[in-house]
Amino acid sequence: MPTYLLVLWRCKLLVVASAVLAMIVATAVHFTVTDEGLTLRGDREHSAATTVLLGGGPKNPYAAQIPGIERIPGVEDDQFSDLSNTAVIYAYLASGEEVRAAVAEQAGPLEEGDGVGAVRRTTQPRGDESNGGRFTLPFLSVIGTSFDPARAVELSRAATTALLDRIVREQDAQGVPESIRVTLTVTDEGDAVPGALGTVAIPIAGTGLAVFLLALLGIVLGHRFRVRRGLTAPLPRRGEPDEDSSLDAELESALAAERPDTVSRR
């Protein structure tokens, strides 16, 4: 067994203390204590969503049935758009350059960490769209993201306004009659919510691991210093069978003592 492992085995309590120290240092470096508890010091992405309902035409979400249409010989029936698919198209528009430019004009230039976009809802109101659901709904979530929670809310609201204005302009330009226009109704303006810790967990773990490894190195170097000063006996070198066997026996007995006694004797 390598000498450094024997040193660490002999100093088990110091190894445990090193692990505790690493956790304390990582927490102190990356978190601060506030009235709300531990708060991350670094940048963490926040997102805010505005929910928009698509409606209009005979496919009104507030109507129980679609009115019957009298068929005229030689005239094709009207084709009605699937508003859930229309929501996907509008999601692309909300993520496009024109909407981003309008948001930058209204809320200021997009800085690092800022972003706007949209997704069609596929889950119930409390569902998470990061794992898509099984519904195809005529609902659109316009999302603003930023390291600043207030900024995320501002971007979401600005992107929603820019999207709705663009759709109305397109309807006016194409002369779409009011009776068959797609209508968009804001149903909810959500607050900012913090993103997952996955992106910030890596530096936290890295800090803890670095402190732990430095502590282990200190244990090994400290043992070497004590040996040179004659404060402790040196560990046997590899190739000394008597000493190696005695150390192996010591390790075996220590491990055996920690195992639960599962053998019953008569």
C-alpha atoms as a PDB file:
ATOM      1  CA  MET A   1       0.000   0.000   0.000  1.00  0.00           C
ATOM      2  CA  PRO A   2       1.406   3.469  -0.843  1.00  0.00           C
ATOM      3  CA  THR A   3       2.851   5.356   2.098  1.00  0.00           C
ATOM      4  CA  TYR A   4       0.514   8.341   1.726  1.00  0.00           C
ATOM      5  CA  LEU A   5      -2.512   6.048   2.053  1.00  0.00           C
ATOM      6  CA  LEU A   6      -1.050   4.571   5.227  1.00  0.00           C
ATOM      7  CA  VAL A   7      -0.554   8.089   6.566  1.00  0.00           C
ATOM      8  CA  LEU A   8      -4.161   9.016   5.793  1.00  0.00           C
ATOM      9  CA  TRP A   9      -5.379   5.785   7.352  1.00  0.00           C
ATOM     10  CA  ARG A  10      -3.456   6.532  10.531  1.00  0.00           C
ATOM     11  CA  CYS A  11      -4.950  10.051  10.551  1.00  0.00           C
ATOM     12  CA  LYS A  12      -8.584   9.114   9.918  1.00  0.00           C
ATOM     13  CA  LEU A  13      -9.937  11.800  12.234  1.00  0.00           C
ATOM     14  CA  LEU A  14      -7.945  14.471  10.431  1.00  0.00           C
ATOM     15  CA  VAL A  15      -9.318  13.244   7.096  1.00  0.00           C
ATOM     16  CA  VAL A  16     -12.878  13.523   8.419  1.00  0.00           C
ATOM     17  CA  ALA A  17     -12.109  16.984   9.794  1.00  0.00           C
ATOM     18  CA  SER A  18     -10.715  17.946   6.381  1.00  0.00           C
ATOM     19  CA  ALA A  19     -13.979  16.946   4.699  1.00  0.00           C
ATOM     20  CA  VAL A  20     -15.967  19.031   7.184  1.00  0.00           C
ATOM     21  CA  LEU A  21     -13.606  21.961   6.673  1.00  0.00           C
ATOM     22  CA  ALA A  22     -14.013  21.694   2.885  1.00  0.00           C
ATOM     23  CA  MET A  23     -17.805  21.892   3.172  1.00  0.00           C
ATOM     24  CA  ILE A  24     -17.605  24.880   5.523  1.00  0.00           C
ATOM     25  CA  VAL A  25     -15.189  26.769   3.265  1.00  0.00           C
ATOM     26  CA  ALA A  26     -17.220  26.051   0.105  1.00  0.00           C
ATOM     27  CA  THR A  27     -20.370  27.287   1.839  1.00  0.00           C
ATOM     28  CA  ALA A  28     -18.680  30.419   3.179  1.00  0.00           C
ATOM     29  CA  VAL A  29     -17.136  31.289  -0.195  1.00  0.00           C
ATOM     30  CA  HIS A  30     -20.225  30.833  -2.351  1.00  0.00           C
ATOM     31  CA  PHE A  31     -23.068  31.739   0.034  1.00  0.00           C
ATOM     32  CA  THR A  32     -23.934  34.592   2.344  1.00  0.00           C
ATOM     33  CA  VAL A  33     -26.298  34.618   5.310  1.00  0.00           C
ATOM     34  CA  THR A  34     -29.381  36.832   4.924  1.00  0.00           C
ATOM     35  CA  ASP A  35     -32.746  37.110   6.632  1.00  0.00           C
ATOM     36  CA  GLU A  36     -34.057  34.533   4.161  1.00  0.00           C
ATOM     37  CA  GLY A  37     -31.254  32.070   4.927  1.00  0.00           C
ATOM     38  CA  LEU A  38     -28.297  31.158   2.738  1.00  0.00           C
ATOM     39  CA  THR A  39     -28.120  33.179  -0.480  1.00  0.00           C
ATOM     40  CA  LEU A  40     -25.812  32.390  -3.372  1.00  0.00           C
ATOM     41  CA  ARG A  41     -23.115  35.026  -3.880  1.00  0.00           C
ATOM     42  CA  GLY A  42     -22.556  34.351  -7.570  1.00  0.00           C
ATOM     43  CA  ASP A  43     -24.799  34.971 -10.555  1.00  0.00           C
ATOM     44  CA  ARG A  44     -27.808  32.699 -10.831  1.00  0.00           C
ATOM     45  CA  GLU A  45     -30.188  32.799 -13.750  1.00  0.00           C
ATOM     46  CA  HIS A  46     -33.782  33.841 -13.043  1.00  0.00           C
ATOM     47  CA  SER A  47     -36.725  33.542 -15.401  1.00  0.00           C
ATOM     48  CA  ALA A  48     -40.165  35.126 -15.505  1.00  0.00           C
ATOM     49  CA  ALA A  49     -43.035  33.984 -17.718  1.00  0.00           C
ATOM     50  CA  THR A  50     -46.121  35.724 -19.044  1.00  0.00           C
ATOM     51  CA  THR A  51     -48.908  33.342 -20.081  1.00  0.00           C
ATOM     52  CA  VAL A  52     -50.967  34.239 -23.155  1.00  0.00           C
ATOM     53  CA  LEU A  53     -54.173  32.525 -24.318  1.00  0.00           C
ATOM     54  CA  LEU A  54     -54.857  32.239 -28.049  1.00  0.00           C
ATOM     55  CA  GLY A  55     -58.490  32.448 -29.090  1.00  0.00           C
ATOM     56  CA  GLY A  56     -60.833  33.985 -31.619  1.00  0.00           C
ATOM     57  CA  GLY A  57     -62.963  32.748 -34.494  1.00  0.00           C
ATOM     58  CA  PRO A  58     -65.374  29.851 -34.078  1.00  0.00           C
ATOM     59  CA  LYS A  59     -62.804  27.964 -31.977  1.00  0.00           C
ATOM     60  CA  ASN A  60     -63.515  30.117 -28.964  1.00  0.00           C
ATOM     61  CA  PRO A  61     -62.190  28.582 -25.723  1.00  0.00           C
ATOM     62  CA  TYR A  62     -65.223  30.005 -23.920  1.00  0.00           C
ATOM     63  CA  ALA A  63     -67.790  28.397 -26.241  1.00  0.00           C
ATOM     64  CA  ALA A  64     -69.111  24.880 -25.611  1.00  0.00           C
ATOM     65  CA  GLN A  65     -69.572  24.097 -29.308  1.00  0.00           C
ATOM     66  CA  ILE A  66     -68.749  25.434 -32.759  1.00  0.00           C
ATOM     67  CA  PRO A  67     -71.817  26.872 -34.531  1.00  0.00           C
ATOM     68  CA  GLY A  68     -72.998  24.905 -37.527  1.00  0.00           C
ATOM     69  CA  ILE A  69     -72.254  26.334 -40.971  1.00  0.00           C
ATOM     70  CA  GLU A  70     -74.706  25.947 -43.826  1.00  0.00           C
ATOM     71  CA  ARG A  71     -73.035  24.283 -46.755  1.00  0.00           C
ATOM     72  CA  ILE A  72     -73.411  25.843 -50.189  1.00  0.00           C
ATOM     73  CA  PRO A  73     -73.043  23.556 -53.199  1.00  0.00           C
ATOM     74  CA  GLY A  74     -69.761  24.170 -54.984  1.00  0.00           C
ATOM     75  CA  VAL A  75     -68.286  26.141 -52.078  1.00  0.00           C
ATOM     76  CA  GLU A  76     -65.644  24.593 -49.867  1.00  0.00           C
ATOM     77  CA  ASP A  77     -66.038  24.681 -46.112  1.00  0.00           C
ATOM     78  CA  ASP A  78     -63.895  27.099 -44.151  1.00  0.00           C
ATOM     79  CA  GLN A  79     -60.697  25.646 -42.737  1.00  0.00           C
ATOM     80  CA  PHE A  80     -60.056  26.521 -39.106  1.00  0.00           C
ATOM     81  CA  SER A  81     -56.539  26.869 -37.752  1.00  0.00           C
ATOM     82  CA  ASP A  82     -55.388  24.720 -34.855  1.00  0.00           C
ATOM     83  CA  LEU A  83     -54.537  27.373 -32.281  1.00  0.00           C
ATOM     84  CA  SER A  84     -52.129  25.056 -30.467  1.00  0.00           C
ATOM     85  CA  ASN A  85     -50.033  24.924 -33.635  1.00  0.00           C
ATOM     86  CA  THR A  86     -50.412  28.673 -34.053  1.00  0.00           C
ATOM     87  CA  ALA A  87     -48.937  29.043 -30.565  1.00  0.00           C
ATOM     88  CA  VAL A  88     -45.780  27.314 -31.800  1.00  0.00           C
ATOM     89  CA  ILE A  89     -45.487  29.820 -34.656  1.00  0.00           C
ATOM     90  CA  TYR A  90     -45.895  32.714 -32.246  1.00  0.00           C
ATOM     91  CA  ALA A  91     -43.236  31.174 -29.985  1.00  0.00           C
ATOM     92  CA  TYR A  92     -40.790  31.414 -32.870  1.00  0.00           C
ATOM     93  CA  LEU A  93     -41.819  35.017 -33.484  1.00  0.00           C
ATOM     94  CA  ALA A  94     -41.255  35.853 -29.812  1.00  0.00           C
ATOM     95  CA  SER A  95     -37.749  34.406 -30.067  1.00  0.00           C
ATOM     96  CA  GLY A  96     -36.956  36.304 -33.254  1.00  0.00           C
ATOM     97  CA  GLU A  97     -34.793  39.302 -33.971  1.00  0.00           C
ATOM     98  CA  GLU A  98     -37.674  41.767 -34.398  1.00  0.00           C
ATOM     99  CA  VAL A  99     -39.052  41.098 -30.924  1.00  0.00           C
ATOM    100  CA  ARG A 100     -35.567  41.223 -29.372  1.00  0.00           C
ATOM    101  CA  ALA A 101     -34.940  44.579 -31.041  1.00  0.00           C
ATOM    102  CA  ALA A 102     -38.247  45.927 -29.726  1.00  0.00           C
ATOM    103  CA  VAL A 103     -37.405  44.673 -26.228  1.00  0.00           C
ATOM    104  CA  ALA A 104     -33.973  46.304 -26.365  1.00  0.00           C
ATOM    105  CA  GLU A 105     -35.586  49.578 -27.410  1.00  0.00           C
ATOM    106  CA  GLN A 106     -38.124  49.431 -24.585  1.00  0.00           C
ATOM    107  CA  ALA A 107     -36.089  47.880 -21.751  1.00  0.00           C
ATOM    108  CA  GLY A 108     -32.531  48.724 -22.772  1.00  0.00           C
ATOM    109  CA  PRO A 109     -29.847  46.635 -24.495  1.00  0.00           C
ATOM    110  CA  LEU A 110     -29.703  42.955 -23.615  1.00  0.00           C
ATOM    111  CA  GLU A 111     -26.689  42.334 -21.400  1.00  0.00           C
ATOM    112  CA  GLU A 112     -24.879  39.118 -20.493  1.00  0.00           C
ATOM    113  CA  GLY A 113     -27.392  36.637 -19.109  1.00  0.00           C
ATOM    114  CA  ASP A 114     -30.391  38.488 -20.581  1.00  0.00           C
ATOM    115  CA  GLY A 115     -32.680  36.738 -23.028  1.00  0.00           C
ATOM    116  CA  VAL A 116     -36.246  36.514 -24.299  1.00  0.00           C
ATOM    117  CA  GLY A 117     -38.155  33.659 -25.881  1.00  0.00           C
ATOM    118  CA  ALA A 118     -41.372  31.699 -25.707  1.00  0.00           C
ATOM    119  CA  VAL A 119     -42.705  28.148 -25.589  1.00  0.00           C
ATOM    120  CA  ARG A 120     -46.113  26.637 -26.211  1.00  0.00           C
ATOM    121  CA  ARG A 121     -47.538  25.204 -23.011  1.00  0.00           C
ATOM    122  CA  THR A 122     -47.767  21.424 -22.856  1.00  0.00           C
ATOM    123  CA  THR A 123     -48.419  21.029 -19.133  1.00  0.00           C
ATOM    124  CA  GLN A 124     -50.868  22.218 -16.517  1.00  0.00           C
ATOM    125  CA  PRO A 125     -50.275  25.639 -14.910  1.00  0.00           C
ATOM    126  CA  ARG A 126     -47.840  24.361 -12.272  1.00  0.00           C
ATOM    127  CA  GLY A 127     -46.034  22.070 -14.696  1.00  0.00           C
ATOM    128  CA  ASP A 128     -42.433  22.497 -15.780  1.00  0.00           C
ATOM    129  CA  GLU A 129     -41.903  22.999 -19.491  1.00  0.00           C
ATOM    130  CA  SER A 130     -38.297  21.810 -19.254  1.00  0.00           C
ATOM    131  CA  ASN A 131     -39.823  18.335 -19.321  1.00  0.00           C
ATOM    132  CA  GLY A 132     -42.563  18.583 -21.933  1.00  0.00           C
ATOM    133  CA  GLY A 133     -46.035  17.337 -21.080  1.00  0.00           C
ATOM    134  CA  ARG A 134     -48.603  15.498 -23.168  1.00  0.00           C
ATOM    135  CA  PHE A 135     -51.034  18.343 -23.834  1.00  0.00           C
ATOM    136  CA  THR A 136     -51.238  20.496 -26.977  1.00  0.00           C
ATOM    137  CA  LEU A 137     -52.635  23.733 -25.614  1.00  0.00           C
ATOM    138  CA  PRO A 138     -53.378  27.130 -27.194  1.00  0.00           C
ATOM    139  CA  PHE A 139     -51.303  28.774 -24.469  1.00  0.00           C
ATOM    140  CA  LEU A 140     -48.022  30.582 -24.909  1.00  0.00           C
ATOM    141  CA  SER A 141     -45.448  31.383 -22.220  1.00  0.00           C
ATOM    142  CA  VAL A 142     -43.318  34.406 -23.067  1.00  0.00           C
ATOM    143  CA  ILE A 143     -40.159  34.118 -20.989  1.00  0.00           C
ATOM    144  CA  GLY A 144     -37.554  36.640 -19.948  1.00  0.00           C
ATOM    145  CA  THR A 145     -34.287  35.507 -18.366  1.00  0.00           C
ATOM    146  CA  SER A 146     -31.632  37.447 -16.500  1.00  0.00           C
ATOM    147  CA  PHE A 147     -29.302  37.236 -13.519  1.00  0.00           C
ATOM    148  CA  ASP A 148     -31.417  40.011 -11.951  1.00  0.00           C
ATOM    149  CA  PRO A 149     -34.943  38.851 -10.962  1.00  0.00           C
ATOM    150  CA  ALA A 150     -36.486  42.280 -11.586  1.00  0.00           C
ATOM    151  CA  ARG A 151     -34.811  42.448 -14.982  1.00  0.00           C
ATOM    152  CA  ALA A 152     -36.217  39.017 -15.910  1.00  0.00           C
ATOM    153  CA  VAL A 153     -39.737  40.241 -15.136  1.00  0.00           C
ATOM    154  CA  GLU A 154     -39.179  43.419 -17.143  1.00  0.00           C
ATOM    155  CA  LEU A 155     -37.932  41.469 -20.166  1.00  0.00           C
ATOM    156  CA  SER A 156     -40.878  39.078 -20.049  1.00  0.00           C
ATOM    157  CA  ARG A 157     -43.397  41.922 -19.981  1.00  0.00           C
ATOM    158  CA  ALA A 158     -41.593  43.836 -22.734  1.00  0.00           C
ATOM    159  CA  ALA A 159     -41.361  40.757 -24.971  1.00  0.00           C
ATOM    160  CA  THR A 160     -45.075  40.070 -24.522  1.00  0.00           C
ATOM    161  CA  THR A 161     -45.966  43.625 -25.481  1.00  0.00           C
ATOM    162  CA  ALA A 162     -43.656  43.505 -28.512  1.00  0.00           C
ATOM    163  CA  LEU A 163     -45.124  40.179 -29.678  1.00  0.00           C
ATOM    164  CA  LEU A 164     -48.741  41.290 -29.338  1.00  0.00           C
ATOM    165  CA  ASP A 165     -48.009  44.546 -31.157  1.00  0.00           C
ATOM    166  CA  ARG A 166     -46.327  42.702 -34.016  1.00  0.00           C
ATOM    167  CA  ILE A 167     -49.236  40.284 -34.435  1.00  0.00           C
ATOM    168  CA  VAL A 168     -51.744  43.142 -34.554  1.00  0.00           C
ATOM    169  CA  ARG A 169     -49.616  44.967 -37.137  1.00  0.00           C
ATOM    170  CA  GLU A 170     -49.471  41.854 -39.311  1.00  0.00           C
ATOM    171  CA  GLN A 171     -53.237  41.357 -39.040  1.00  0.00           C
ATOM    172  CA  ASP A 172     -53.860  44.965 -40.022  1.00  0.00           C
ATOM    173  CA  ALA A 173     -51.388  44.808 -42.897  1.00  0.00           C
ATOM    174  CA  GLN A 174     -52.992  41.649 -44.293  1.00  0.00           C
ATOM    175  CA  GLY A 175     -56.526  42.949 -43.786  1.00  0.00           C
ATOM    176  CA  VAL A 176     -57.633  40.038 -41.602  1.00  0.00           C
ATOM    177  CA  PRO A 177     -61.297  40.606 -40.615  1.00  0.00           C
ATOM    178  CA  GLU A 178     -61.940  41.128 -36.923  1.00  0.00           C
ATOM    179  CA  SER A 179     -64.310  38.158 -36.800  1.00  0.00           C
ATOM    180  CA  ILE A 180     -61.627  35.626 -37.719  1.00  0.00           C
ATOM    181  CA  ARG A 181     -58.567  37.175 -36.126  1.00  0.00           C
ATOM    182  CA  VAL A 182     -56.518  35.267 -33.589  1.00  0.00           C
ATOM    183  CA  THR A 183     -56.907  37.028 -30.272  1.00  0.00           C
ATOM    184  CA  LEU A 184     -54.280  37.011 -27.553  1.00  0.00           C
ATOM    185  CA  THR A 185     -55.212  37.472 -23.911  1.00  0.00           C
ATOM    186  CA  VAL A 186     -52.684  37.730 -21.088  1.00  0.00           C
ATOM    187  CA  THR A 187     -53.852  35.365 -18.360  1.00  0.00           C
ATOM    188  CA  ASP A 188     -50.926  35.521 -15.940  1.00  0.00           C
ATOM    189  CA  GLU A 189     -47.812  37.576 -15.319  1.00  0.00           C
ATOM    190  CA  GLY A 190     -45.523  35.431 -13.201  1.00  0.00           C
ATOM    191  CA  ASP A 191     -42.800  36.525 -10.827  1.00  0.00           C
ATOM    192  CA  ALA A 192     -39.154  35.659 -11.354  1.00  0.00           C
ATOM    193  CA  VAL A 193     -38.063  32.212 -10.219  1.00  0.00           C
ATOM    194  CA  PRO A 194     -34.447  31.080  -9.787  1.00  0.00           C
ATOM    195  CA  GLY A 195     -33.051  28.547 -12.190  1.00  0.00           C
ATOM    196  CA  ALA A 196     -31.594  25.180 -11.321  1.00  0.00           C
ATOM    197  CA  LEU A 197     -28.389  24.999  -9.299  1.00  0.00           C
ATOM    198  CA  GLY A 198     -26.769  22.761 -11.886  1.00  0.00           C
ATOM    199  CA  THR A 199     -24.705  25.546 -13.446  1.00  0.00           C
ATOM    200  CA  VAL A 200     -23.443  26.911 -10.116  1.00  0.00           C
ATOM    201  CA  ALA A 201     -22.937  23.557  -8.393  1.00  0.00           C
ATOM    202  CA  ILE A 202     -19.715  22.921 -10.329  1.00  0.00           C
ATOM    203  CA  PRO A 203     -17.722  25.849  -8.853  1.00  0.00           C
ATOM    204  CA  ILE A 204     -19.094  25.064  -5.381  1.00  0.00           C
ATOM    205  CA  ALA A 205     -17.997  21.439  -5.663  1.00  0.00           C
ATOM    206  CA  GLY A 206     -14.680  22.544  -7.151  1.00  0.00           C
ATOM    207  CA  THR A 207     -13.962  24.799  -4.181  1.00  0.00           C
ATOM    208  CA  GLY A 208     -14.796  22.060  -1.700  1.00  0.00           C
ATOM    209  CA  LEU A 209     -12.679  19.492  -3.539  1.00  0.00           C
ATOM    210  CA  ALA A 210      -9.704  21.853  -3.765  1.00  0.00           C
ATOM    211  CA  VAL A 211      -9.813  22.582  -0.029  1.00  0.00           C
ATOM    212  CA  PHE A 212     -10.153  18.876   0.769  1.00  0.00           C
ATOM    213  CA  LEU A 213      -7.169  17.910  -1.400  1.00  0.00           C
ATOM    214  CA  LEU A 214      -5.044  20.697   0.089  1.00  0.00           C
ATOM    215  CA  ALA A 215      -5.942  19.476   3.571  1.00  0.00           C
ATOM    216  CA  LEU A 216      -4.943  15.914   2.664  1.00  0.00           C
ATOM    217  CA  LEU A 217      -1.669  17.204   1.259  1.00  0.00           C
ATOM    218  CA  GLY A 218      -1.111  19.081   4.505  1.00  0.00           C
ATOM    219  CA  ILE A 219      -1.667  15.884   6.496  1.00  0.00           C
ATOM    220  CA  VAL A 220       0.912  13.976   4.444  1.00  0.00           C
ATOM    221  CA  LEU A 221       3.473  16.802   4.529  1.00  0.00           C
ATOM    222  CA  GLY A 222       2.888  17.306   8.237  1.00  0.00           C
ATOM    223  CA  HIS A 223       3.587  13.636   8.885  1.00  0.00           C
ATOM    224  CA  ARG A 224       6.803  13.853   6.856  1.00  0.00           C
ATOM    225  CA  PHE A 225       7.879  16.925   8.841  1.00  0.00           C
ATOM    226  CA  ARG A 226       7.245  15.151  12.141  1.00  0.00           C
ATOM    227  CA  VAL A 227       9.255  12.145  10.977  1.00  0.00           C
ATOM    228  CA  ARG A 228      12.210  14.347  10.020  1.00  0.00           C
ATOM    229  CA  ARG A 229      12.103  16.063  13.401  1.00  0.00           C
ATOM    230  CA  GLY A 230      11.949  12.705  15.146  1.00  0.00           C
ATOM    231  CA  LEU A 231       8.544  13.463  16.641  1.00  0.00           C
ATOM    232  CA  THR A 232       6.987  10.287  15.283  1.00  0.00           C
ATOM    233  CA  ALA A 233       8.192   6.944  13.995  1.00  0.00           C
ATOM    234  CA  PRO A 234       8.444   6.556  10.221  1.00  0.00           C
ATOM    235  CA  LEU A 235       6.070   4.221   8.462  1.00  0.00           C
ATOM    236  CA  PRO A 236       7.661   1.084   6.969  1.00  0.00           C
ATOM    237  CA  ARG A 237       8.713   1.262   3.361  1.00  0.00           C
ATOM    238  CA  ARG A 238       7.385  -1.033   0.738  1.00  0.00           C
ATOM    239  CA  GLY A 239       9.393  -4.234   0.448  1.00  0.00           C
ATOM    240  CA  GLU A 240       9.671  -4.822   4.199  1.00  0.00           C
ATOM    241  CA  PRO A 241       7.463  -7.903   4.546  1.00  0.00           C
ATOM    242  CA  ASP A 242       7.398  -8.071   8.330  1.00  0.00           C
ATOM    243  CA  GLU A 243       6.310  -4.488   8.728  1.00  0.00           C
ATOM    244  CA  ASP A 244       3.940  -4.645   5.771  1.00  0.00           C
ATOM    245  CA  SER A 245       2.273  -7.742   7.123  1.00  0.00           C
ATOM    246  CA  SER A 246       1.871  -6.173  10.549  1.00  0.00           C
ATOM    247  CA  LEU A 247       0.278  -3.085   9.020  1.00  0.00           C
ATOM    248  CA  ASP A 248      -1.994  -5.227   6.878  1.00  0.00           C
ATOM    249  CA  ALA A 249      -2.977  -7.182   9.965  1.00  0.00           C
ATOM    250  CA  GLU A 250      -3.725  -3.926  11.764  1.00  0.00           C
ATOM    251  CA  LEU A 251      -5.923  -2.725   8.928  1.00  0.00           C
ATOM    252  CA  GLU A 252      -7.714  -6.074   8.743  1.00  0.00           C
ATOM    253  CA  SER A 253      -8.421  -6.084  12.465  1.00  0.00           C
ATOM    254  CA  ALA A 254      -9.667  -2.490  12.364  1.00  0.00           C
ATOM    255  CA  LEU A 255     -12.019  -3.254   9.490  1.00  0.00           C
ATOM    256  CA  ALA A 256     -13.229  -6.434  11.157  1.00  0.00           C
ATOM    257  CA  ALA A 257     -14.043  -4.528  14.340  1.00  0.00           C
ATOM    258  CA  GLU A 258     -16.211  -2.100  12.359  1.00  0.00           C
ATOM    259  CA  ARG A 259     -18.263  -4.838  10.727  1.00  0.00           C
ATOM    260  CA  PRO A 260     -21.438  -5.923  12.589  1.00  0.00           C
ATOM    261  CA  ASP A 261     -21.145  -9.327  14.195  1.00  0.00           C
ATOM    262  CA  THR A 262     -23.415 -11.538  12.110  1.00  0.00           C
ATOM    263  CA  VAL A 263     -22.172 -14.881  13.392  1.00  0.00           C
ATOM    264  CA  SER A 264     -23.972 -16.375  16.370  1.00  0.00           C
ATOM    265  CA  ARG A 265     -21.981 -18.720  18.556  1.00  0.00           C
ATOM    266  CA  ARG A 266     -23.359 -21.499  20.694  1.00  0.00           C
END
